[in-house]
Amino acid sequence: MPKVKTHKGTAKRFKITGTGKVMRAKVGTNHRLHKSKATQRMMKQDLLLTGADAALARKLLPGLKKK
């Protein structure tokens, strides 16, 4: 059986917390930041993936799973 490899594009975009939740960054934070300071602060916080999206991310990140 071949080795199970981590999908590197997914590994750069998502992270798995210590409790096994999958987190992602918010969109729209790279350029054209003519947003209010409050909005820019809110966009620094990560979001939790749920449901089928989280299941797919965990499947693509076998090396980062909570043991």
N, C-alpha and C. Protein backbone atom coordinates (compact mmCIF):
# COMPACT_ATOMS: atom_id res chain seq x y z
N MET A 1 0.85 -1.18 0.00
CA MET A 1 0.00 0.00 0.00
C MET A 1 0.89 1.24 0.00
N PRO A 2 0.62 2.23 -0.86
CA PRO A 2 1.46 3.43 -0.91
C PRO A 2 1.26 4.31 0.31
N LYS A 3 2.21 5.20 0.51
CA LYS A 3 2.13 6.13 1.62
C LYS A 3 0.97 7.10 1.42
N VAL A 4 0.38 7.52 2.51
CA VAL A 4 -0.67 8.53 2.47
C VAL A 4 0.02 9.88 2.60
N LYS A 5 -0.18 10.75 1.62
CA LYS A 5 0.53 12.03 1.60
C LYS A 5 -0.41 13.19 1.89
N THR A 6 0.14 14.20 2.53
CA THR A 6 -0.60 15.41 2.84
C THR A 6 -0.72 16.26 1.58
N HIS A 7 -1.90 16.80 1.33
CA HIS A 7 -2.12 17.70 0.20
C HIS A 7 -1.54 19.06 0.58
N LYS A 8 -0.46 19.47 -0.05
CA LYS A 8 0.29 20.65 0.37
C LYS A 8 -0.48 21.94 0.18
N GLY A 9 -1.32 22.04 -0.86
CA GLY A 9 -2.12 23.24 -1.04
C GLY A 9 -3.12 23.42 0.09
N THR A 10 -3.67 22.32 0.57
CA THR A 10 -4.59 22.37 1.69
C THR A 10 -3.86 22.69 2.98
N ALA A 11 -2.67 22.14 3.14
CA ALA A 11 -1.90 22.36 4.37
C ALA A 11 -1.53 23.84 4.54
N LYS A 12 -1.38 24.56 3.43
CA LYS A 12 -1.03 25.97 3.51
C LYS A 12 -2.24 26.84 3.88
N ARG A 13 -3.45 26.34 3.65
CA ARG A 13 -4.64 27.14 3.83
C ARG A 13 -5.43 26.85 5.09
N PHE A 14 -5.26 25.66 5.64
CA PHE A 14 -6.03 25.25 6.80
C PHE A 14 -5.10 24.81 7.91
N LYS A 15 -5.60 24.90 9.14
CA LYS A 15 -4.85 24.33 10.25
C LYS A 15 -5.82 23.60 11.16
N ILE A 16 -5.30 22.57 11.83
CA ILE A 16 -6.11 21.77 12.72
C ILE A 16 -5.72 22.11 14.15
N THR A 17 -6.71 22.43 14.98
CA THR A 17 -6.45 22.82 16.35
C THR A 17 -6.13 21.59 17.19
N GLY A 18 -5.79 21.82 18.43
CA GLY A 18 -5.47 20.72 19.33
C GLY A 18 -6.64 19.81 19.60
N THR A 19 -7.87 20.34 19.49
CA THR A 19 -9.06 19.52 19.71
C THR A 19 -9.57 18.89 18.43
N GLY A 20 -8.90 19.14 17.29
CA GLY A 20 -9.28 18.50 16.04
C GLY A 20 -10.17 19.33 15.13
N LYS A 21 -10.44 20.58 15.50
CA LYS A 21 -11.25 21.44 14.64
C LYS A 21 -10.39 21.98 13.50
N VAL A 22 -11.03 22.24 12.36
CA VAL A 22 -10.33 22.77 11.19
C VAL A 22 -10.62 24.25 11.08
N MET A 23 -9.57 25.06 11.01
CA MET A 23 -9.71 26.52 10.95
C MET A 23 -9.20 27.02 9.60
N ARG A 24 -9.79 28.14 9.13
CA ARG A 24 -9.34 28.78 7.91
C ARG A 24 -9.32 30.28 8.11
N ALA A 25 -8.56 30.97 7.28
CA ALA A 25 -8.50 32.43 7.35
C ALA A 25 -9.66 33.03 6.57
N LYS A 26 -10.04 34.25 6.90
CA LYS A 26 -11.08 34.95 6.16
C LYS A 26 -10.52 35.48 4.85
N VAL A 27 -11.40 35.73 3.91
CA VAL A 27 -10.99 36.19 2.59
C VAL A 27 -10.95 37.71 2.54
N GLY A 28 -10.24 38.25 1.57
CA GLY A 28 -10.24 39.68 1.33
C GLY A 28 -9.27 40.46 2.19
N THR A 29 -8.20 39.83 2.64
CA THR A 29 -7.27 40.51 3.55
C THR A 29 -5.93 40.84 2.91
N ASN A 30 -5.81 40.66 1.59
CA ASN A 30 -4.50 40.81 0.97
C ASN A 30 -4.24 42.17 0.35
N HIS A 31 -5.22 42.74 -0.32
CA HIS A 31 -4.99 44.02 -0.97
C HIS A 31 -6.29 44.79 -1.03
N ARG A 32 -6.20 46.06 -1.42
CA ARG A 32 -7.34 46.97 -1.47
C ARG A 32 -8.01 47.09 -0.11
N LEU A 33 -7.22 47.38 0.90
CA LEU A 33 -7.73 47.43 2.26
C LEU A 33 -8.28 48.82 2.59
N HIS A 34 -9.27 49.26 1.82
CA HIS A 34 -9.95 50.51 2.12
C HIS A 34 -11.18 50.21 2.95
N LYS A 35 -11.01 49.29 3.90
CA LYS A 35 -12.08 48.90 4.80
C LYS A 35 -11.90 49.62 6.13
N SER A 36 -12.92 49.65 6.93
CA SER A 36 -12.80 50.29 8.23
C SER A 36 -11.84 49.50 9.11
N LYS A 37 -11.29 50.15 10.11
CA LYS A 37 -10.34 49.49 11.00
C LYS A 37 -11.02 48.35 11.76
N ALA A 38 -12.29 48.53 12.12
CA ALA A 38 -13.02 47.48 12.82
C ALA A 38 -13.16 46.24 11.93
N THR A 39 -13.46 46.46 10.65
CA THR A 39 -13.58 45.35 9.72
C THR A 39 -12.24 44.65 9.54
N GLN A 40 -11.16 45.42 9.45
CA GLN A 40 -9.84 44.82 9.29
C GLN A 40 -9.47 43.99 10.51
N ARG A 41 -9.85 44.44 11.70
CA ARG A 41 -9.58 43.66 12.91
C ARG A 41 -10.38 42.36 12.91
N MET A 42 -11.65 42.44 12.47
CA MET A 42 -12.49 41.24 12.44
C MET A 42 -11.96 40.22 11.44
N MET A 43 -11.32 40.70 10.37
CA MET A 43 -10.84 39.80 9.35
C MET A 43 -9.56 39.06 9.76
N LYS A 44 -8.96 39.47 10.87
CA LYS A 44 -7.77 38.76 11.36
C LYS A 44 -8.13 37.44 12.04
N GLN A 45 -9.38 37.31 12.49
CA GLN A 45 -9.79 36.12 13.21
C GLN A 45 -10.04 34.97 12.25
N ASP A 46 -9.67 33.76 12.67
CA ASP A 46 -9.89 32.58 11.84
C ASP A 46 -11.33 32.08 12.00
N LEU A 47 -11.79 31.36 10.99
CA LEU A 47 -13.13 30.78 11.00
C LEU A 47 -13.05 29.27 11.14
N LEU A 48 -14.09 28.70 11.70
CA LEU A 48 -14.19 27.26 11.89
C LEU A 48 -14.89 26.64 10.69
N LEU A 49 -14.30 25.58 10.14
CA LEU A 49 -14.96 24.82 9.08
C LEU A 49 -15.88 23.80 9.72
N THR A 50 -17.04 23.58 9.14
CA THR A 50 -17.98 22.61 9.69
C THR A 50 -18.48 21.68 8.59
N GLY A 51 -19.06 20.61 9.00
CA GLY A 51 -19.74 19.70 8.09
C GLY A 51 -18.84 19.04 7.07
N ALA A 52 -19.33 19.02 5.82
CA ALA A 52 -18.64 18.33 4.75
C ALA A 52 -17.31 19.01 4.40
N ASP A 53 -17.24 20.33 4.56
CA ASP A 53 -16.00 21.04 4.27
C ASP A 53 -14.89 20.59 5.22
N ALA A 54 -15.22 20.48 6.50
CA ALA A 54 -14.22 20.04 7.48
C ALA A 54 -13.81 18.60 7.23
N ALA A 55 -14.76 17.76 6.87
CA ALA A 55 -14.46 16.35 6.60
C ALA A 55 -13.51 16.22 5.41
N LEU A 56 -13.75 17.01 4.37
CA LEU A 56 -12.88 16.96 3.20
C LEU A 56 -11.48 17.46 3.53
N ALA A 57 -11.39 18.54 4.31
CA ALA A 57 -10.08 19.07 4.70
C ALA A 57 -9.31 18.05 5.53
N ARG A 58 -10.00 17.37 6.45
CA ARG A 58 -9.32 16.35 7.27
C ARG A 58 -8.82 15.19 6.41
N LYS A 59 -9.60 14.86 5.39
CA LYS A 59 -9.20 13.77 4.50
C LYS A 59 -7.93 14.13 3.71
N LEU A 60 -7.80 15.41 3.34
CA LEU A 60 -6.64 15.86 2.59
C LEU A 60 -5.43 16.12 3.48
N LEU A 61 -5.63 16.16 4.80
CA LEU A 61 -4.55 16.45 5.75
C LEU A 61 -4.32 15.28 6.70
N PRO A 62 -3.95 14.11 6.19
CA PRO A 62 -3.82 12.96 7.09
C PRO A 62 -2.66 13.11 8.07
N GLY A 63 -1.61 13.83 7.69
CA GLY A 63 -0.47 13.96 8.57
C GLY A 63 -0.69 14.94 9.70
N LEU A 64 -1.74 15.77 9.62
CA LEU A 64 -1.99 16.79 10.62
C LEU A 64 -3.14 16.42 11.53
N LYS A 65 -3.68 15.21 11.41
CA LYS A 65 -4.82 14.82 12.21
C LYS A 65 -4.46 14.74 13.68
N LYS A 66 -5.45 14.97 14.52
CA LYS A 66 -5.28 14.79 15.96
C LYS A 66 -5.18 13.30 16.22
N LYS A 67 -4.20 12.91 16.95
CA LYS A 67 -3.98 11.48 17.20
C LYS A 67 -4.77 11.05 18.41
